[in-house]
Structure formats: C-alpha cells, structure tokens
Amino acid sequence: DLTELHARFDAALATVRTRLGAEYPSWIAGKAHA
C-alpha cells in the first residue's frame, strides 16, 4: 500500500520545486568554492 508514500513524496516534490535553479558550490578544503 503506497498511499502514504505518494502523499509524502508529493509534499517533498513541492518543496524541492521551490529550489529549482538554485546555485551550489564545489566544496574545497571545507569551504564553499564559487
């Protein structure tokens, strides 16, 4: 029964979509590298 799984996935998908296009660094020597 995947009902709960799909509900939680839908909620997570909505959250992830708010971050589309965001920038992320490389990580070098413990620091963000832009």
All heavy atoms as atom14 arrays in JSON, in Angstrom:
{
  "sequence": "DLTELHARFDAALATVRTRLGAEYPSWIAGKAHA",
  "atom14_mask": [
    [1, 1, 1, 1, 1, 1, 1, 1, 0, 0, 0, 0, 0, 0],
    [1, 1, 1, 1, 1, 1, 1, 1, 0, 0, 0, 0, 0, 0],
    [1, 1, 1, 1, 1, 1, 1, 0, 0, 0, 0, 0, 0, 0],
    [1, 1, 1, 1, 1, 1, 1, 1, 1, 0, 0, 0, 0, 0],
    [1, 1, 1, 1, 1, 1, 1, 1, 0, 0, 0, 0, 0, 0],
    [1, 1, 1, 1, 1, 1, 1, 1, 1, 1, 0, 0, 0, 0],
    [1, 1, 1, 1, 1, 0, 0, 0, 0, 0, 0, 0, 0, 0],
    [1, 1, 1, 1, 1, 1, 1, 1, 1, 1, 1, 0, 0, 0],
    [1, 1, 1, 1, 1, 1, 1, 1, 1, 1, 1, 0, 0, 0],
    [1, 1, 1, 1, 1, 1, 1, 1, 0, 0, 0, 0, 0, 0],
    [1, 1, 1, 1, 1, 0, 0, 0, 0, 0, 0, 0, 0, 0],
    [1, 1, 1, 1, 1, 0, 0, 0, 0, 0, 0, 0, 0, 0],
    [1, 1, 1, 1, 1, 1, 1, 1, 0, 0, 0, 0, 0, 0],
    [1, 1, 1, 1, 1, 0, 0, 0, 0, 0, 0, 0, 0, 0],
    [1, 1, 1, 1, 1, 1, 1, 0, 0, 0, 0, 0, 0, 0],
    [1, 1, 1, 1, 1, 1, 1, 0, 0, 0, 0, 0, 0, 0],
    [1, 1, 1, 1, 1, 1, 1, 1, 1, 1, 1, 0, 0, 0],
    [1, 1, 1, 1, 1, 1, 1, 0, 0, 0, 0, 0, 0, 0],
    [1, 1, 1, 1, 1, 1, 1, 1, 1, 1, 1, 0, 0, 0],
    [1, 1, 1, 1, 1, 1, 1, 1, 0, 0, 0, 0, 0, 0],
    [1, 1, 1, 1, 0, 0, 0, 0, 0, 0, 0, 0, 0, 0],
    [1, 1, 1, 1, 1, 0, 0, 0, 0, 0, 0, 0, 0, 0],
    [1, 1, 1, 1, 1, 1, 1, 1, 1, 0, 0, 0, 0, 0],
    [1, 1, 1, 1, 1, 1, 1, 1, 1, 1, 1, 1, 0, 0],
    [1, 1, 1, 1, 1, 1, 1, 0, 0, 0, 0, 0, 0, 0],
    [1, 1, 1, 1, 1, 1, 0, 0, 0, 0, 0, 0, 0, 0],
    [1, 1, 1, 1, 1, 1, 1, 1, 1, 1, 1, 1, 1, 1],
    [1, 1, 1, 1, 1, 1, 1, 1, 0, 0, 0, 0, 0, 0],
    [1, 1, 1, 1, 1, 0, 0, 0, 0, 0, 0, 0, 0, 0],
    [1, 1, 1, 1, 0, 0, 0, 0, 0, 0, 0, 0, 0, 0],
    [1, 1, 1, 1, 1, 1, 1, 1, 1, 0, 0, 0, 0, 0],
    [1, 1, 1, 1, 1, 0, 0, 0, 0, 0, 0, 0, 0, 0],
    [1, 1, 1, 1, 1, 1, 1, 1, 1, 1, 0, 0, 0, 0],
    [1, 1, 1, 1, 1, 0, 0, 0, 0, 0, 0, 0, 0, 0]
  ],
  "atom14_positions": [
    [[0.86, -1.18, 0.0], [0.0, 0.0, 0.0], [0.9, 1.23, 0.0], [1.6, 1.52, 0.98], [-0.9, -0.02, 1.22], [-1.86, 1.17, 1.25], [-1.79, 2.01, 0.33], [-2.66, 1.26, 2.19], [0.0, 0.0, 0.0], [0.0, 0.0, 0.0], [0.0, 0.0, 0.0], [0.0, 0.0, 0.0], [0.0, 0.0, 0.0], [0.0, 0.0, 0.0]],
    [[0.91, 1.95, -1.11], [1.82, 3.07, -1.28], [1.15, 4.42, -1.07], [1.72, 5.45, -1.44], [2.45, 3.01, -2.68], [3.18, 1.71, -3.04], [3.74, 1.81, -4.46], [4.3, 1.4, -2.06], [0.0, 0.0, 0.0], [0.0, 0.0, 0.0], [0.0, 0.0, 0.0], [0.0, 0.0, 0.0], [0.0, 0.0, 0.0], [0.0, 0.0, 0.0]],
    [[-0.02, 4.43, -0.48], [-0.77, 5.68, -0.34], [0.03, 6.71, 0.45], [0.17, 7.87, 0.02], [-2.11, 5.41, 0.36], [-2.83, 4.43, -0.38], [-2.93, 6.7, 0.45], [0.0, 0.0, 0.0], [0.0, 0.0, 0.0], [0.0, 0.0, 0.0], [0.0, 0.0, 0.0], [0.0, 0.0, 0.0], [0.0, 0.0, 0.0], [0.0, 0.0, 0.0]],
    [[0.54, 6.32, 1.6], [1.3, 7.26, 2.43], [2.58, 7.69, 1.71], [2.97, 8.86, 1.75], [1.66, 6.61, 3.77], [2.45, 7.54, 4.68], [2.98, 6.84, 5.93], [2.57, 5.69, 6.19], [3.81, 7.45, 6.62], [0.0, 0.0, 0.0], [0.0, 0.0, 0.0], [0.0, 0.0, 0.0], [0.0, 0.0, 0.0], [0.0, 0.0, 0.0]],
    [[3.23, 6.74, 1.04], [4.46, 7.06, 0.31], [4.21, 8.16, -0.71], [4.96, 9.15, -0.77], [4.98, 5.8, -0.38], [6.26, 5.93, -1.22], [7.03, 4.61, -1.2], [5.96, 6.3, -2.68], [0.0, 0.0, 0.0], [0.0, 0.0, 0.0], [0.0, 0.0, 0.0], [0.0, 0.0, 0.0], [0.0, 0.0, 0.0], [0.0, 0.0, 0.0]],
    [[3.16, 8.03, -1.5], [2.92, 9.01, -2.54], [2.55, 10.37, -1.95], [2.95, 11.41, -2.5], [1.83, 8.51, -3.48], [2.27, 7.37, -4.34], [3.42, 7.42, -5.11], [1.74, 6.13, -4.56], [3.57, 6.28, -5.77], [2.56, 5.48, -5.44], [0.0, 0.0, 0.0], [0.0, 0.0, 0.0], [0.0, 0.0, 0.0], [0.0, 0.0, 0.0]],
    [[1.84, 10.38, -0.84], [1.5, 11.66, -0.21], [2.76, 12.37, 0.26], [2.92, 13.59, 0.07], [0.54, 11.43, 0.95], [0.0, 0.0, 0.0], [0.0, 0.0, 0.0], [0.0, 0.0, 0.0], [0.0, 0.0, 0.0], [0.0, 0.0, 0.0], [0.0, 0.0, 0.0], [0.0, 0.0, 0.0], [0.0, 0.0, 0.0], [0.0, 0.0, 0.0]],
    [[3.67, 11.63, 0.88], [4.89, 12.25, 1.38], [5.82, 12.65, 0.23], [6.49, 13.68, 0.3], [5.59, 11.3, 2.35], [4.77, 10.98, 3.59], [5.55, 10.28, 4.66], [6.54, 11.16, 5.26], [7.24, 10.84, 6.36], [7.02, 9.69, 6.97], [8.13, 11.67, 6.84], [0.0, 0.0, 0.0], [0.0, 0.0, 0.0], [0.0, 0.0, 0.0]],
    [[5.83, 11.85, -0.82], [6.65, 12.2, -1.97], [6.12, 13.48, -2.64], [6.91, 14.35, -3.02], [6.68, 11.05, -2.98], [7.75, 11.18, -4.02], [8.98, 10.57, -3.84], [7.55, 11.92, -5.17], [9.99, 10.68, -4.79], [8.54, 12.05, -6.12], [9.77, 11.43, -5.94], [0.0, 0.0, 0.0], [0.0, 0.0, 0.0], [0.0, 0.0, 0.0]],
    [[4.81, 13.59, -2.77], [4.22, 14.8, -3.36], [4.61, 16.04, -2.56], [4.94, 17.08, -3.14], [2.7, 14.67, -3.42], [2.23, 13.74, -4.53], [2.96, 13.6, -5.52], [1.14, 13.16, -4.4], [0.0, 0.0, 0.0], [0.0, 0.0, 0.0], [0.0, 0.0, 0.0], [0.0, 0.0, 0.0], [0.0, 0.0, 0.0], [0.0, 0.0, 0.0]],
    [[4.57, 15.93, -1.23], [4.93, 17.07, -0.39], [6.4, 17.44, -0.58], [6.77, 18.63, -0.67], [4.64, 16.76, 1.07], [0.0, 0.0, 0.0], [0.0, 0.0, 0.0], [0.0, 0.0, 0.0], [0.0, 0.0, 0.0], [0.0, 0.0, 0.0], [0.0, 0.0, 0.0], [0.0, 0.0, 0.0], [0.0, 0.0, 0.0], [0.0, 0.0, 0.0]],
    [[7.26, 16.42, -0.64], [8.7, 16.68, -0.83], [8.96, 17.29, -2.2], [9.79, 18.19, -2.35], [9.48, 15.38, -0.66], [0.0, 0.0, 0.0], [0.0, 0.0, 0.0], [0.0, 0.0, 0.0], [0.0, 0.0, 0.0], [0.0, 0.0, 0.0], [0.0, 0.0, 0.0], [0.0, 0.0, 0.0], [0.0, 0.0, 0.0], [0.0, 0.0, 0.0]],
    [[8.24, 16.8, -3.21], [8.42, 17.32, -4.55], [8.06, 18.8, -4.62], [8.76, 19.6, -5.27], [7.55, 16.51, -5.52], [7.81, 16.67, -7.01], [9.23, 16.23, -7.37], [6.79, 15.84, -7.79], [0.0, 0.0, 0.0], [0.0, 0.0, 0.0], [0.0, 0.0, 0.0], [0.0, 0.0, 0.0], [0.0, 0.0, 0.0], [0.0, 0.0, 0.0]],
    [[7.0, 19.17, -3.94], [6.61, 20.57, -3.93], [7.69, 21.44, -3.29], [8.0, 22.54, -3.76], [5.29, 20.74, -3.17], [0.0, 0.0, 0.0], [0.0, 0.0, 0.0], [0.0, 0.0, 0.0], [0.0, 0.0, 0.0], [0.0, 0.0, 0.0], [0.0, 0.0, 0.0], [0.0, 0.0, 0.0], [0.0, 0.0, 0.0], [0.0, 0.0, 0.0]],
    [[8.3, 20.94, -2.23], [9.38, 21.68, -1.57], [10.6, 21.81, -2.47], [11.19, 22.88, -2.61], [9.78, 20.99, -0.26], [8.65, 20.95, 0.62], [10.92, 21.72, 0.42], [0.0, 0.0, 0.0], [0.0, 0.0, 0.0], [0.0, 0.0, 0.0], [0.0, 0.0, 0.0], [0.0, 0.0, 0.0], [0.0, 0.0, 0.0], [0.0, 0.0, 0.0]],
    [[10.97, 20.69, -3.11], [12.15, 20.71, -3.98], [11.95, 21.66, -5.15], [12.89, 22.35, -5.57], [12.46, 19.27, -4.46], [13.53, 19.28, -5.55], [12.93, 18.41, -3.28], [0.0, 0.0, 0.0], [0.0, 0.0, 0.0], [0.0, 0.0, 0.0], [0.0, 0.0, 0.0], [0.0, 0.0, 0.0], [0.0, 0.0, 0.0], [0.0, 0.0, 0.0]],
    [[10.75, 21.71, -5.66], [10.49, 22.59, -6.81], [10.7, 24.07, -6.47], [11.01, 24.88, -7.35], [9.07, 22.37, -7.33], [8.91, 21.07, -8.11], [7.59, 21.05, -8.88], [7.41, 19.81, -9.6], [7.95, 19.51, -10.77], [8.77, 20.4, -11.36], [7.71, 18.36, -11.37], [0.0, 0.0, 0.0], [0.0, 0.0, 0.0], [0.0, 0.0, 0.0]],
    [[10.56, 24.44, -5.19], [10.8, 25.83, -4.81], [12.27, 26.2, -4.92], [12.61, 27.39, -4.92], [10.33, 26.1, -3.37], [11.13, 25.37, -2.45], [8.85, 25.72, -3.19], [0.0, 0.0, 0.0], [0.0, 0.0, 0.0], [0.0, 0.0, 0.0], [0.0, 0.0, 0.0], [0.0, 0.0, 0.0], [0.0, 0.0, 0.0], [0.0, 0.0, 0.0]],
    [[13.14, 25.2, -5.03], [14.58, 25.45, -5.11], [15.14, 25.29, -6.52], [16.36, 25.33, -6.72], [15.33, 24.52, -4.15], [14.92, 24.68, -2.69], [15.93, 24.05, -1.76], [15.94, 22.6, -1.84], [15.27, 21.79, -1.02], [14.51, 22.3, -0.05], [15.35, 20.48, -1.14], [0.0, 0.0, 0.0], [0.0, 0.0, 0.0], [0.0, 0.0, 0.0]],
    [[14.29, 25.06, -7.51], [14.77, 24.88, -8.87], [15.6, 26.08, -9.32], [15.22, 27.23, -9.1], [13.6, 24.67, -9.83], [12.84, 23.34, -9.71], [11.67, 23.3, -10.68], [13.77, 22.16, -9.94], [0.0, 0.0, 0.0], [0.0, 0.0, 0.0], [0.0, 0.0, 0.0], [0.0, 0.0, 0.0], [0.0, 0.0, 0.0], [0.0, 0.0, 0.0]],
    [[16.73, 25.78, -9.94], [17.59, 26.84, -10.46], [18.54, 27.44, -9.45], [19.32, 28.34, -9.79], [0.0, 0.0, 0.0], [0.0, 0.0, 0.0], [0.0, 0.0, 0.0], [0.0, 0.0, 0.0], [0.0, 0.0, 0.0], [0.0, 0.0, 0.0], [0.0, 0.0, 0.0], [0.0, 0.0, 0.0], [0.0, 0.0, 0.0], [0.0, 0.0, 0.0]],
    [[18.53, 26.94, -8.22], [19.43, 27.48, -7.2], [20.89, 27.14, -7.55], [21.17, 26.18, -8.26], [19.08, 26.91, -5.83], [0.0, 0.0, 0.0], [0.0, 0.0, 0.0], [0.0, 0.0, 0.0], [0.0, 0.0, 0.0], [0.0, 0.0, 0.0], [0.0, 0.0, 0.0], [0.0, 0.0, 0.0], [0.0, 0.0, 0.0], [0.0, 0.0, 0.0]],
    [[21.81, 27.95, -7.02], [23.23, 27.72, -7.24], [23.85, 26.96, -6.07], [23.46, 27.16, -4.91], [23.97, 29.05, -7.42], [23.62, 29.77, -8.71], [24.5, 30.99, -8.95], [25.53, 31.14, -8.23], [24.17, 31.79, -9.83], [0.0, 0.0, 0.0], [0.0, 0.0, 0.0], [0.0, 0.0, 0.0], [0.0, 0.0, 0.0], [0.0, 0.0, 0.0]],
    [[24.82, 26.1, -6.4], [25.51, 25.29, -5.39], [27.01, 25.34, -5.67], [27.44, 25.3, -6.83], [25.02, 23.85, -5.43], [23.53, 23.72, -5.17], [22.63, 23.73, -6.23], [23.03, 23.61, -3.88], [21.27, 23.63, -6.01], [21.66, 23.5, -3.64], [20.79, 23.51, -4.71], [19.44, 23.41, -4.48], [0.0, 0.0, 0.0], [0.0, 0.0, 0.0]],
    [[27.83, 25.37, -4.63], [29.27, 25.45, -4.84], [29.91, 24.09, -5.03], [29.29, 23.04, -4.8], [29.75, 26.06, -3.52], [28.8, 25.48, -2.51], [27.46, 25.41, -3.2], [0.0, 0.0, 0.0], [0.0, 0.0, 0.0], [0.0, 0.0, 0.0], [0.0, 0.0, 0.0], [0.0, 0.0, 0.0], [0.0, 0.0, 0.0], [0.0, 0.0, 0.0]],
    [[31.15, 24.08, -5.45], [32.04, 22.96, -5.15], [32.48, 23.13, -3.7], [32.35, 24.22, -3.12], [33.25, 22.96, -6.08], [32.89, 22.6, -7.41], [0.0, 0.0, 0.0], [0.0, 0.0, 0.0], [0.0, 0.0, 0.0], [0.0, 0.0, 0.0], [0.0, 0.0, 0.0], [0.0, 0.0, 0.0], [0.0, 0.0, 0.0], [0.0, 0.0, 0.0]],
    [[33.0, 22.07, -3.1], [33.47, 22.15, -1.7], [34.93, 21.75, -1.65], [35.28, 20.59, -1.9], [32.63, 21.24, -0.8], [31.21, 21.74, -0.65], [30.11, 21.35, -1.36], [30.76, 22.73, 0.28], [29.0, 22.04, -0.93], [29.36, 22.89, 0.07], [31.39, 23.5, 1.26], [28.59, 23.78, 0.81], [30.63, 24.39, 1.99], [29.24, 24.53, 1.77]],
    [[35.78, 22.72, -1.35], [37.22, 22.51, -1.33], [37.78, 22.93, 0.02], [37.51, 24.05, 0.49], [37.91, 23.32, -2.46], [37.38, 22.87, -3.83], [39.43, 23.16, -2.41], [37.92, 23.69, -4.99], [0.0, 0.0, 0.0], [0.0, 0.0, 0.0], [0.0, 0.0, 0.0], [0.0, 0.0, 0.0], [0.0, 0.0, 0.0], [0.0, 0.0, 0.0]],
    [[38.54, 22.05, 0.63], [39.18, 22.33, 1.93], [38.17, 22.78, 2.97], [38.46, 23.64, 3.8], [40.29, 23.35, 1.76], [0.0, 0.0, 0.0], [0.0, 0.0, 0.0], [0.0, 0.0, 0.0], [0.0, 0.0, 0.0], [0.0, 0.0, 0.0], [0.0, 0.0, 0.0], [0.0, 0.0, 0.0], [0.0, 0.0, 0.0], [0.0, 0.0, 0.0]],
    [[36.98, 22.22, 2.91], [35.96, 22.53, 3.9], [35.2, 23.81, 3.66], [34.35, 24.19, 4.47], [0.0, 0.0, 0.0], [0.0, 0.0, 0.0], [0.0, 0.0, 0.0], [0.0, 0.0, 0.0], [0.0, 0.0, 0.0], [0.0, 0.0, 0.0], [0.0, 0.0, 0.0], [0.0, 0.0, 0.0], [0.0, 0.0, 0.0], [0.0, 0.0, 0.0]],
    [[35.47, 24.49, 2.54], [34.82, 25.77, 2.27], [34.13, 25.74, 0.9], [34.56, 25.03, -0.02], [35.86, 26.9, 2.3], [36.51, 27.09, 3.67], [37.53, 28.22, 3.64], [38.18, 28.4, 5.0], [39.2, 29.48, 4.99], [0.0, 0.0, 0.0], [0.0, 0.0, 0.0], [0.0, 0.0, 0.0], [0.0, 0.0, 0.0], [0.0, 0.0, 0.0]],
    [[33.06, 26.53, 0.8], [32.35, 26.65, -0.47], [33.24, 27.35, -1.5], [33.85, 28.38, -1.2], [31.05, 27.42, -0.28], [0.0, 0.0, 0.0], [0.0, 0.0, 0.0], [0.0, 0.0, 0.0], [0.0, 0.0, 0.0], [0.0, 0.0, 0.0], [0.0, 0.0, 0.0], [0.0, 0.0, 0.0], [0.0, 0.0, 0.0], [0.0, 0.0, 0.0]],
    [[33.29, 26.78, -2.69], [34.1, 27.34, -3.78], [33.17, 27.75, -4.9], [32.53, 26.91, -5.55], [35.1, 26.29, -4.27], [35.86, 26.71, -5.5], [36.81, 27.69, -5.48], [35.77, 26.28, -6.79], [37.32, 27.85, -6.7], [36.7, 27.01, -7.51], [0.0, 0.0, 0.0], [0.0, 0.0, 0.0], [0.0, 0.0, 0.0], [0.0, 0.0, 0.0]],
    [[33.04, 29.06, -5.11], [32.17, 29.61, -6.16], [33.04, 30.18, -7.27], [33.56, 31.29, -7.16], [31.25, 30.67, -5.58], [0.0, 0.0, 0.0], [0.0, 0.0, 0.0], [0.0, 0.0, 0.0], [0.0, 0.0, 0.0], [0.0, 0.0, 0.0], [0.0, 0.0, 0.0], [0.0, 0.0, 0.0], [0.0, 0.0, 0.0], [0.0, 0.0, 0.0]]
  ]
}
